[in-house]
Amino acid sequence: MTSDINRGADGTPTPGRIAPAWSGDALRKIKMVPISGGRLGLKWGKWEVDQDTVCKAWLLFWGSAHMLDKSKSHTAKELACTPEWEVRPDGWKRAMGRCYKYFALERVLPITIANPGAAYNFKYRLNADLNSRPLTP
């Protein structure tokens, strides 16, 4: 089973066609809480990422995952694979990077951190089978 861009009542993607159902389920299970500016989002340690950016990061990954080389490590920019990256402010880029790190650690996407000792500029490896949920972060 797969997931597409259909959205549930809370605005998160619902099962459909572009991603394995386990990934859509994992995304919907992320607890969105009130964050600064009166919005809902992911609060993770000292970081906050609004719900729209969390969903956008997930959707961008699944829109490009089949084109990524599984034998190489990838940056957040490569995982997002969007021309929008070049014109977005640095804060948006950092938020996307935080999403991918969270997704790797919480097994929301079939990726692992390739350089876990890094303080920033993380690299990610894709699982050999994109349809299988990662067993460990």
N, C-alpha and C. Protein backbone atom coordinates (compact mmCIF):
# COMPACT_ATOMS: atom_id res chain seq x y z
N MET A 1 0.85 -1.18 0.00
CA MET A 1 0.00 0.00 0.00
C MET A 1 0.89 1.24 0.00
N THR A 2 0.42 2.32 -0.60
CA THR A 2 1.22 3.54 -0.72
C THR A 2 0.45 4.76 -0.26
N SER A 3 1.13 5.90 -0.19
CA SER A 3 0.50 7.16 0.22
C SER A 3 0.69 8.21 -0.86
N ASP A 4 -0.28 9.11 -1.02
CA ASP A 4 -0.14 10.20 -1.97
C ASP A 4 -0.36 11.53 -1.27
N ILE A 5 -0.74 12.54 -2.02
CA ILE A 5 -0.82 13.89 -1.48
C ILE A 5 -2.19 14.22 -0.90
N ASN A 6 -3.13 13.27 -0.88
CA ASN A 6 -4.41 13.52 -0.23
C ASN A 6 -4.15 13.86 1.23
N ARG A 7 -4.97 14.74 1.78
CA ARG A 7 -4.74 15.16 3.16
C ARG A 7 -5.94 14.83 4.05
N GLY A 8 -5.62 14.50 5.29
CA GLY A 8 -6.65 14.25 6.28
C GLY A 8 -7.14 15.55 6.89
N ALA A 9 -8.05 15.45 7.83
CA ALA A 9 -8.64 16.62 8.47
C ALA A 9 -7.58 17.49 9.16
N ASP A 10 -6.50 16.87 9.64
CA ASP A 10 -5.45 17.64 10.33
C ASP A 10 -4.41 18.19 9.36
N GLY A 11 -4.58 17.97 8.06
CA GLY A 11 -3.66 18.53 7.07
C GLY A 11 -2.51 17.64 6.69
N THR A 12 -2.34 16.49 7.34
CA THR A 12 -1.23 15.60 6.98
C THR A 12 -1.65 14.67 5.85
N PRO A 13 -0.68 14.23 5.06
CA PRO A 13 -1.00 13.34 3.95
C PRO A 13 -1.67 12.05 4.41
N THR A 14 -2.53 11.51 3.57
CA THR A 14 -3.26 10.27 3.87
C THR A 14 -2.88 9.19 2.86
N PRO A 15 -3.13 7.90 3.17
CA PRO A 15 -2.72 6.82 2.28
C PRO A 15 -3.22 7.00 0.86
N GLY A 16 -2.39 6.60 -0.08
CA GLY A 16 -2.71 6.70 -1.49
C GLY A 16 -1.65 6.07 -2.36
N ARG A 17 -0.91 6.84 -3.19
CA ARG A 17 -0.04 6.25 -4.21
C ARG A 17 1.45 6.52 -4.16
N ILE A 18 1.98 7.58 -3.60
CA ILE A 18 3.39 7.89 -3.83
C ILE A 18 4.37 7.34 -2.79
N ALA A 19 3.88 6.87 -1.66
CA ALA A 19 4.77 6.41 -0.60
C ALA A 19 4.18 5.19 0.08
N PRO A 20 5.04 4.36 0.69
CA PRO A 20 4.53 3.22 1.44
C PRO A 20 3.61 3.70 2.58
N ALA A 21 2.58 2.94 2.85
CA ALA A 21 1.62 3.32 3.89
C ALA A 21 2.28 3.51 5.25
N TRP A 22 3.31 2.71 5.58
CA TRP A 22 3.96 2.86 6.88
C TRP A 22 4.53 4.26 7.05
N SER A 23 5.03 4.86 5.97
CA SER A 23 5.62 6.20 6.05
C SER A 23 4.53 7.25 6.29
N GLY A 24 3.41 7.13 5.58
CA GLY A 24 2.29 8.04 5.80
C GLY A 24 1.75 7.92 7.22
N ASP A 25 1.67 6.68 7.70
CA ASP A 25 1.21 6.45 9.08
C ASP A 25 2.17 7.09 10.08
N ALA A 26 3.48 6.93 9.85
CA ALA A 26 4.48 7.51 10.76
C ALA A 26 4.40 9.03 10.75
N LEU A 27 4.15 9.61 9.58
CA LEU A 27 4.01 11.07 9.49
C LEU A 27 2.80 11.54 10.27
N ARG A 28 1.69 10.86 10.11
CA ARG A 28 0.46 11.27 10.81
C ARG A 28 0.57 11.09 12.32
N LYS A 29 1.46 10.21 12.78
CA LYS A 29 1.62 9.99 14.22
C LYS A 29 2.51 11.05 14.89
N ILE A 30 3.18 11.88 14.09
CA ILE A 30 3.99 12.95 14.68
C ILE A 30 3.06 13.90 15.43
N LYS A 31 3.36 14.12 16.68
CA LYS A 31 2.51 15.01 17.49
C LYS A 31 2.81 16.46 17.14
N MET A 32 1.83 17.11 16.53
CA MET A 32 1.95 18.53 16.21
C MET A 32 1.41 19.31 17.41
N VAL A 33 2.19 20.26 17.87
CA VAL A 33 1.85 21.03 19.06
C VAL A 33 1.89 22.52 18.71
N PRO A 34 1.28 23.36 19.54
CA PRO A 34 1.39 24.80 19.28
C PRO A 34 2.86 25.24 19.35
N ILE A 35 3.27 26.02 18.35
CA ILE A 35 4.63 26.58 18.33
C ILE A 35 4.50 28.09 18.21
N SER A 36 5.62 28.78 18.19
CA SER A 36 5.59 30.24 18.12
C SER A 36 4.78 30.72 16.91
N GLY A 37 4.16 31.85 17.06
CA GLY A 37 3.35 32.40 15.98
C GLY A 37 1.94 31.83 15.94
N GLY A 38 1.56 31.06 16.97
CA GLY A 38 0.20 30.51 17.04
C GLY A 38 -0.08 29.40 16.03
N ARG A 39 0.98 28.82 15.46
CA ARG A 39 0.82 27.75 14.49
C ARG A 39 1.00 26.39 15.16
N LEU A 40 0.66 25.34 14.42
CA LEU A 40 0.96 23.98 14.86
C LEU A 40 2.24 23.53 14.19
N GLY A 41 2.99 22.69 14.89
CA GLY A 41 4.21 22.19 14.28
C GLY A 41 4.89 21.16 15.16
N LEU A 42 6.06 20.79 14.73
CA LEU A 42 6.89 19.83 15.44
C LEU A 42 7.83 20.59 16.35
N LYS A 43 7.80 20.26 17.63
CA LYS A 43 8.75 20.84 18.59
C LYS A 43 9.66 19.70 18.99
N TRP A 44 10.95 19.91 18.70
CA TRP A 44 11.93 18.86 18.91
C TRP A 44 13.15 19.48 19.57
N GLY A 45 13.28 19.25 20.87
CA GLY A 45 14.34 19.92 21.62
C GLY A 45 14.09 21.42 21.58
N LYS A 46 15.10 22.19 21.18
CA LYS A 46 14.93 23.64 21.09
C LYS A 46 14.40 24.09 19.74
N TRP A 47 14.20 23.14 18.81
CA TRP A 47 13.79 23.47 17.45
C TRP A 47 12.29 23.37 17.27
N GLU A 48 11.78 24.25 16.43
CA GLU A 48 10.36 24.22 16.04
C GLU A 48 10.30 24.26 14.52
N VAL A 49 9.44 23.42 13.95
CA VAL A 49 9.21 23.43 12.51
C VAL A 49 7.70 23.37 12.30
N ASP A 50 7.17 24.32 11.52
CA ASP A 50 5.72 24.36 11.33
C ASP A 50 5.24 23.14 10.55
N GLN A 51 3.98 22.80 10.76
CA GLN A 51 3.38 21.61 10.18
C GLN A 51 3.47 21.60 8.65
N ASP A 52 3.28 22.74 8.02
CA ASP A 52 3.36 22.79 6.55
C ASP A 52 4.75 22.39 6.05
N THR A 53 5.79 22.83 6.74
CA THR A 53 7.15 22.49 6.34
C THR A 53 7.44 21.01 6.56
N VAL A 54 6.95 20.46 7.67
CA VAL A 54 7.11 19.03 7.94
C VAL A 54 6.48 18.21 6.81
N CYS A 55 5.25 18.55 6.46
CA CYS A 55 4.56 17.83 5.38
C CYS A 55 5.25 18.05 4.04
N LYS A 56 5.73 19.26 3.80
CA LYS A 56 6.42 19.57 2.54
C LYS A 56 7.69 18.73 2.41
N ALA A 57 8.46 18.61 3.49
CA ALA A 57 9.69 17.81 3.47
C ALA A 57 9.37 16.36 3.12
N TRP A 58 8.33 15.82 3.72
CA TRP A 58 7.92 14.44 3.47
C TRP A 58 7.51 14.26 2.00
N LEU A 59 6.67 15.17 1.53
CA LEU A 59 6.19 15.09 0.15
C LEU A 59 7.32 15.25 -0.87
N LEU A 60 8.24 16.18 -0.62
CA LEU A 60 9.35 16.38 -1.55
C LEU A 60 10.24 15.14 -1.61
N PHE A 61 10.48 14.52 -0.45
CA PHE A 61 11.29 13.30 -0.45
C PHE A 61 10.63 12.24 -1.33
N TRP A 62 9.37 11.97 -1.10
CA TRP A 62 8.71 10.90 -1.85
C TRP A 62 8.53 11.27 -3.32
N GLY A 63 8.51 12.53 -3.64
CA GLY A 63 8.43 12.94 -5.04
C GLY A 63 9.72 12.70 -5.81
N SER A 64 10.84 12.57 -5.09
CA SER A 64 12.13 12.42 -5.76
C SER A 64 12.90 11.18 -5.37
N ALA A 65 12.45 10.43 -4.39
CA ALA A 65 13.21 9.30 -3.84
C ALA A 65 13.62 8.29 -4.92
N HIS A 66 12.76 8.04 -5.87
CA HIS A 66 13.07 7.04 -6.90
C HIS A 66 14.20 7.48 -7.83
N MET A 67 14.54 8.78 -7.83
CA MET A 67 15.60 9.30 -8.70
C MET A 67 16.95 9.36 -7.99
N LEU A 68 16.99 9.16 -6.69
CA LEU A 68 18.23 9.29 -5.93
C LEU A 68 19.05 8.01 -6.00
N ASP A 69 20.36 8.15 -6.04
CA ASP A 69 21.29 7.02 -6.09
C ASP A 69 21.41 6.43 -4.69
N LYS A 70 20.99 5.18 -4.54
CA LYS A 70 21.01 4.53 -3.23
C LYS A 70 22.42 4.18 -2.77
N SER A 71 23.39 4.24 -3.65
CA SER A 71 24.76 3.90 -3.27
C SER A 71 25.53 5.11 -2.73
N LYS A 72 24.93 6.29 -2.75
CA LYS A 72 25.60 7.52 -2.31
C LYS A 72 24.89 8.14 -1.12
N SER A 73 25.60 9.01 -0.43
CA SER A 73 25.02 9.81 0.65
C SER A 73 24.43 11.07 0.03
N HIS A 74 23.38 11.59 0.65
CA HIS A 74 22.68 12.76 0.11
C HIS A 74 22.48 13.81 1.18
N THR A 75 22.51 15.07 0.77
CA THR A 75 22.22 16.19 1.66
C THR A 75 20.71 16.40 1.72
N ALA A 76 20.28 17.25 2.63
CA ALA A 76 18.85 17.60 2.70
C ALA A 76 18.40 18.22 1.39
N LYS A 77 19.24 19.03 0.79
CA LYS A 77 18.91 19.64 -0.50
C LYS A 77 18.64 18.57 -1.55
N GLU A 78 19.45 17.54 -1.57
CA GLU A 78 19.27 16.46 -2.55
C GLU A 78 18.03 15.63 -2.24
N LEU A 79 17.72 15.43 -0.96
CA LEU A 79 16.52 14.67 -0.60
C LEU A 79 15.27 15.44 -1.03
N ALA A 80 15.30 16.76 -0.87
CA ALA A 80 14.15 17.58 -1.25
C ALA A 80 14.03 17.69 -2.77
N CYS A 81 15.16 17.75 -3.45
CA CYS A 81 15.21 17.77 -4.91
C CYS A 81 14.17 18.71 -5.52
N THR A 82 14.26 20.00 -5.18
CA THR A 82 13.32 20.98 -5.71
C THR A 82 14.06 22.24 -6.14
N PRO A 83 13.69 22.83 -7.28
CA PRO A 83 14.31 24.09 -7.68
C PRO A 83 13.98 25.21 -6.70
N GLU A 84 12.93 25.02 -5.93
CA GLU A 84 12.51 25.98 -4.91
C GLU A 84 13.63 26.21 -3.88
N TRP A 85 14.50 25.22 -3.70
CA TRP A 85 15.57 25.30 -2.69
C TRP A 85 16.42 26.55 -2.88
N GLU A 86 16.75 26.86 -4.11
CA GLU A 86 17.67 27.97 -4.39
C GLU A 86 17.10 29.34 -4.04
N VAL A 87 15.78 29.49 -4.05
CA VAL A 87 15.18 30.80 -3.80
C VAL A 87 14.61 30.94 -2.39
N ARG A 88 14.63 29.87 -1.63
CA ARG A 88 14.09 29.93 -0.27
C ARG A 88 15.12 30.50 0.69
N PRO A 89 14.66 31.13 1.77
CA PRO A 89 15.59 31.68 2.77
C PRO A 89 16.30 30.56 3.54
N ASP A 90 17.43 30.90 4.13
CA ASP A 90 18.22 29.92 4.87
C ASP A 90 17.42 29.27 5.99
N GLY A 91 16.54 30.00 6.65
CA GLY A 91 15.74 29.44 7.73
C GLY A 91 14.87 28.29 7.25
N TRP A 92 14.31 28.40 6.06
CA TRP A 92 13.49 27.32 5.48
C TRP A 92 14.37 26.10 5.19
N LYS A 93 15.57 26.34 4.68
CA LYS A 93 16.49 25.24 4.38
C LYS A 93 16.89 24.51 5.65
N ARG A 94 17.17 25.26 6.71
CA ARG A 94 17.53 24.63 7.99
C ARG A 94 16.35 23.83 8.52
N ALA A 95 15.13 24.36 8.39
CA ALA A 95 13.94 23.65 8.86
C ALA A 95 13.77 22.34 8.09
N MET A 96 14.01 22.37 6.79
CA MET A 96 13.91 21.14 5.99
C MET A 96 14.95 20.13 6.47
N GLY A 97 16.17 20.60 6.73
CA GLY A 97 17.21 19.71 7.24
C GLY A 97 16.84 19.10 8.57
N ARG A 98 16.23 19.89 9.44
CA ARG A 98 15.79 19.36 10.74
C ARG A 98 14.72 18.29 10.54
N CYS A 99 13.84 18.52 9.58
CA CYS A 99 12.80 17.52 9.29
C CYS A 99 13.44 16.20 8.87
N TYR A 100 14.41 16.25 7.96
CA TYR A 100 15.02 15.01 7.49
C TYR A 100 15.79 14.30 8.60
N LYS A 101 16.44 15.07 9.46
CA LYS A 101 17.12 14.42 10.59
C LYS A 101 16.09 13.75 11.49
N TYR A 102 15.01 14.45 11.79
CA TYR A 102 13.95 13.87 12.62
C TYR A 102 13.37 12.62 11.95
N PHE A 103 13.10 12.73 10.64
CA PHE A 103 12.53 11.60 9.90
C PHE A 103 13.46 10.38 9.95
N ALA A 104 14.77 10.61 9.88
CA ALA A 104 15.72 9.50 9.94
C ALA A 104 15.73 8.87 11.33
N LEU A 105 15.81 9.70 12.35
CA LEU A 105 15.89 9.19 13.73
C LEU A 105 14.60 8.51 14.18
N GLU A 106 13.47 9.03 13.72
CA GLU A 106 12.17 8.48 14.14
C GLU A 106 11.59 7.49 13.12
N ARG A 107 12.36 7.16 12.10
CA ARG A 107 11.99 6.15 11.10
C ARG A 107 10.70 6.51 10.37
N VAL A 108 10.58 7.78 10.00
CA VAL A 108 9.43 8.26 9.22
C VAL A 108 9.69 8.04 7.73
N LEU A 109 10.96 8.10 7.34
CA LEU A 109 11.36 7.85 5.95
C LEU A 109 12.41 6.74 5.94
N PRO A 110 12.59 6.08 4.79
CA PRO A 110 13.58 5.00 4.70
C PRO A 110 14.99 5.55 4.48
N ILE A 111 15.45 6.35 5.44
CA ILE A 111 16.78 6.95 5.38
C ILE A 111 17.48 6.78 6.72
N THR A 112 18.80 6.78 6.69
CA THR A 112 19.61 6.78 7.90
C THR A 112 20.64 7.89 7.77
N ILE A 113 21.13 8.36 8.89
CA ILE A 113 22.16 9.40 8.89
C ILE A 113 23.50 8.74 8.60
N ALA A 114 24.16 9.19 7.55
CA ALA A 114 25.44 8.61 7.12
C ALA A 114 26.61 9.13 7.93
N ASN A 115 26.47 10.32 8.50
CA ASN A 115 27.55 10.92 9.30
C ASN A 115 27.00 11.35 10.67
N PRO A 116 26.63 10.37 11.52
CA PRO A 116 25.96 10.70 12.79
C PRO A 116 26.79 11.54 13.75
N GLY A 117 28.10 11.59 13.58
CA GLY A 117 28.94 12.39 14.47
C GLY A 117 28.98 13.87 14.10
N ALA A 118 28.39 14.23 12.98
CA ALA A 118 28.41 15.62 12.54
C ALA A 118 27.50 16.48 13.42
N ALA A 119 27.87 17.74 13.57
CA ALA A 119 27.04 18.68 14.34
C ALA A 119 25.97 19.30 13.45
N TYR A 120 26.22 19.38 12.17
CA TYR A 120 25.28 19.92 11.18
C TYR A 120 25.71 19.42 9.81
N ASN A 121 25.00 19.83 8.77
CA ASN A 121 25.26 19.35 7.41
C ASN A 121 25.27 17.83 7.33
N PHE A 122 24.20 17.23 7.84
CA PHE A 122 24.09 15.79 7.84
C PHE A 122 23.94 15.25 6.42
N LYS A 123 24.44 14.04 6.24
CA LYS A 123 24.28 13.30 4.99
C LYS A 123 23.39 12.09 5.30
N TYR A 124 22.63 11.68 4.32
CA TYR A 124 21.67 10.60 4.52
C TYR A 124 21.87 9.51 3.48
N ARG A 125 21.64 8.28 3.88
CA ARG A 125 21.65 7.14 2.97
C ARG A 125 20.23 6.61 2.87
N LEU A 126 19.87 6.23 1.68
CA LEU A 126 18.56 5.62 1.45
C LEU A 126 18.65 4.12 1.71
N ASN A 127 17.58 3.55 2.24
CA ASN A 127 17.51 2.11 2.38
C ASN A 127 17.52 1.49 0.99
N ALA A 128 18.03 0.28 0.89
CA ALA A 128 18.05 -0.42 -0.40
C ALA A 128 16.63 -0.60 -0.93
N ASP A 129 15.69 -0.87 -0.01
CA ASP A 129 14.30 -1.05 -0.40
C ASP A 129 13.50 0.12 0.18
N LEU A 130 13.08 1.04 -0.68
CA LEU A 130 12.35 2.22 -0.20
C LEU A 130 10.99 1.88 0.38
N ASN A 131 10.46 0.71 0.07
CA ASN A 131 9.14 0.34 0.59
C ASN A 131 9.20 -0.26 1.99
N SER A 132 10.41 -0.59 2.47
CA SER A 132 10.55 -1.20 3.79
C SER A 132 10.91 -0.16 4.83
N ARG A 133 10.23 -0.24 5.95
CA ARG A 133 10.52 0.67 7.05
C ARG A 133 11.88 0.34 7.65
N PRO A 134 12.69 1.36 7.94
CA PRO A 134 13.99 1.09 8.56
C PRO A 134 13.82 0.45 9.93
N LEU A 135 14.69 -0.50 10.26
CA LEU A 135 14.60 -1.20 11.54
C LEU A 135 15.20 -0.39 12.67
N THR A 136 16.27 0.36 12.38
CA THR A 136 16.91 1.16 13.41
C THR A 136 17.20 2.54 12.86
N PRO A 137 17.24 3.54 13.73
CA PRO A 137 17.55 4.90 13.25
C PRO A 137 18.97 5.03 12.78
